Amino acid sequence: MFRSLGTTELLIIAAVVILLFGGKKIPELFKGLADAVKEFKKASKDNEQEKNVEG
């Protein structure tokens, strides 16, 4: 169903993102994404530790 994205597809996606959000907003978007990933990892780690304590 899905295939790997090639260089051309990634460049098109990047161009669309730049057009939609502008160059100034992109660092803010990536910072928000990084914060979300950190929170997800923290929650996963906490959940794993909780499972180990209970089980």
N, C-alpha and C. Protein backbone atom coordinates (compact mmCIF):
# COMPACT_ATOMS: atom_id res chain seq x y z
N MET A 1 0.82 -1.18 0.00
CA MET A 1 0.00 0.00 0.00
C MET A 1 0.88 1.26 0.00
N PHE A 2 1.78 1.34 0.96
CA PHE A 2 2.68 2.48 1.01
C PHE A 2 4.05 2.06 0.50
N ARG A 3 4.73 2.98 -0.17
CA ARG A 3 6.08 2.69 -0.62
C ARG A 3 7.00 3.75 -0.03
N SER A 4 8.27 3.49 -0.05
CA SER A 4 9.20 4.45 0.53
C SER A 4 9.22 5.73 -0.30
N LEU A 5 9.44 6.84 0.37
CA LEU A 5 9.47 8.12 -0.31
C LEU A 5 10.86 8.36 -0.88
N GLY A 6 10.89 8.84 -2.10
CA GLY A 6 12.15 9.16 -2.75
C GLY A 6 12.53 10.61 -2.50
N THR A 7 13.65 10.99 -3.05
CA THR A 7 14.16 12.35 -2.87
C THR A 7 13.20 13.38 -3.45
N THR A 8 12.66 13.09 -4.62
CA THR A 8 11.75 14.04 -5.27
C THR A 8 10.51 14.27 -4.42
N GLU A 9 9.94 13.22 -3.88
CA GLU A 9 8.76 13.36 -3.06
C GLU A 9 9.05 14.16 -1.80
N LEU A 10 10.21 13.90 -1.17
CA LEU A 10 10.57 14.64 0.03
C LEU A 10 10.77 16.13 -0.27
N LEU A 11 11.36 16.45 -1.42
CA LEU A 11 11.54 17.85 -1.80
C LEU A 11 10.20 18.54 -2.04
N ILE A 12 9.27 17.83 -2.64
CA ILE A 12 7.94 18.40 -2.87
C ILE A 12 7.24 18.65 -1.55
N ILE A 13 7.32 17.70 -0.64
CA ILE A 13 6.71 17.87 0.68
C ILE A 13 7.34 19.06 1.41
N ALA A 14 8.66 19.18 1.35
CA ALA A 14 9.34 20.30 2.00
C ALA A 14 8.90 21.63 1.40
N ALA A 15 8.76 21.68 0.08
CA ALA A 15 8.32 22.91 -0.58
C ALA A 15 6.91 23.30 -0.14
N VAL A 16 6.04 22.32 -0.04
CA VAL A 16 4.66 22.59 0.39
C VAL A 16 4.64 23.10 1.82
N VAL A 17 5.45 22.50 2.69
CA VAL A 17 5.51 22.95 4.08
C VAL A 17 6.00 24.38 4.16
N ILE A 18 7.03 24.71 3.39
CA ILE A 18 7.56 26.08 3.39
C ILE A 18 6.51 27.05 2.87
N LEU A 19 5.79 26.67 1.82
CA LEU A 19 4.75 27.55 1.29
C LEU A 19 3.61 27.76 2.29
N LEU A 20 3.24 26.70 3.00
CA LEU A 20 2.13 26.80 3.94
C LEU A 20 2.49 27.59 5.20
N PHE A 21 3.66 27.34 5.74
CA PHE A 21 4.00 27.89 7.04
C PHE A 21 5.00 29.04 6.98
N GLY A 22 5.70 29.18 5.89
CA GLY A 22 6.71 30.23 5.80
C GLY A 22 7.99 29.82 6.49
N GLY A 23 9.08 30.45 6.11
CA GLY A 23 10.39 30.08 6.64
C GLY A 23 10.56 30.37 8.12
N LYS A 24 9.86 31.37 8.63
CA LYS A 24 10.04 31.76 10.04
C LYS A 24 9.33 30.80 11.00
N LYS A 25 8.29 30.16 10.55
CA LYS A 25 7.51 29.28 11.43
C LYS A 25 8.08 27.86 11.52
N ILE A 26 8.90 27.47 10.56
CA ILE A 26 9.39 26.09 10.52
C ILE A 26 10.21 25.72 11.76
N PRO A 27 11.15 26.56 12.24
CA PRO A 27 11.86 26.19 13.47
C PRO A 27 10.92 25.99 14.66
N GLU A 28 9.87 26.81 14.73
CA GLU A 28 8.90 26.64 15.81
C GLU A 28 8.16 25.32 15.68
N LEU A 29 7.83 24.94 14.45
CA LEU A 29 7.14 23.66 14.24
C LEU A 29 8.02 22.48 14.66
N PHE A 30 9.31 22.54 14.27
CA PHE A 30 10.20 21.44 14.62
C PHE A 30 10.46 21.39 16.13
N LYS A 31 10.51 22.56 16.78
CA LYS A 31 10.69 22.58 18.23
C LYS A 31 9.47 21.94 18.90
N GLY A 32 8.29 22.28 18.43
CA GLY A 32 7.08 21.68 18.97
C GLY A 32 7.04 20.18 18.74
N LEU A 33 7.47 19.75 17.56
CA LEU A 33 7.52 18.33 17.26
C LEU A 33 8.51 17.61 18.16
N ALA A 34 9.67 18.22 18.38
CA ALA A 34 10.68 17.62 19.25
C ALA A 34 10.17 17.51 20.68
N ASP A 35 9.48 18.54 21.15
CA ASP A 35 8.90 18.49 22.50
C ASP A 35 7.87 17.37 22.62
N ALA A 36 7.07 17.21 21.57
CA ALA A 36 6.05 16.15 21.59
C ALA A 36 6.70 14.77 21.62
N VAL A 37 7.77 14.59 20.86
CA VAL A 37 8.48 13.31 20.85
C VAL A 37 9.09 13.03 22.23
N LYS A 38 9.67 14.04 22.85
CA LYS A 38 10.24 13.88 24.19
C LYS A 38 9.18 13.46 25.20
N GLU A 39 8.02 14.12 25.14
CA GLU A 39 6.93 13.77 26.06
C GLU A 39 6.43 12.34 25.81
N PHE A 40 6.35 11.95 24.55
CA PHE A 40 5.91 10.60 24.22
C PHE A 40 6.89 9.57 24.77
N LYS A 41 8.19 9.82 24.59
CA LYS A 41 9.20 8.90 25.11
C LYS A 41 9.15 8.82 26.62
N LYS A 42 8.95 9.96 27.28
CA LYS A 42 8.87 9.98 28.74
C LYS A 42 7.66 9.18 29.21
N ALA A 43 6.52 9.37 28.55
CA ALA A 43 5.31 8.64 28.92
C ALA A 43 5.49 7.14 28.68
N SER A 44 6.13 6.78 27.60
CA SER A 44 6.38 5.37 27.32
C SER A 44 7.29 4.76 28.37
N LYS A 45 8.33 5.50 28.74
CA LYS A 45 9.27 5.01 29.75
C LYS A 45 8.57 4.86 31.11
N ASP A 46 7.76 5.85 31.48
CA ASP A 46 7.02 5.78 32.74
C ASP A 46 6.06 4.60 32.74
N ASN A 47 5.41 4.37 31.61
CA ASN A 47 4.47 3.27 31.49
C ASN A 47 5.20 1.93 31.63
N GLU A 48 6.37 1.83 31.01
CA GLU A 48 7.15 0.59 31.09
C GLU A 48 7.62 0.34 32.52
N GLN A 49 8.04 1.38 33.20
CA GLN A 49 8.47 1.23 34.59
C GLN A 49 7.29 0.82 35.47
N GLU A 50 6.11 1.36 35.21
CA GLU A 50 4.94 1.00 35.97
C GLU A 50 4.57 -0.46 35.77
N LYS A 51 4.70 -0.94 34.53
CA LYS A 51 4.43 -2.36 34.25
C LYS A 51 5.40 -3.25 35.01
N ASN A 52 6.68 -2.85 35.06
CA ASN A 52 7.69 -3.66 35.75
C ASN A 52 7.44 -3.71 37.25
N VAL A 53 6.94 -2.64 37.82
CA VAL A 53 6.67 -2.61 39.26
C VAL A 53 5.46 -3.49 39.58
N GLU A 54 4.44 -3.44 38.74
CA GLU A 54 3.23 -4.21 38.99
C GLU A 54 3.41 -5.70 38.71
N GLY A 55 4.17 -6.01 37.69
CA GLY A 55 4.24 -7.39 37.25
C GLY A 55 5.44 -8.08 37.70
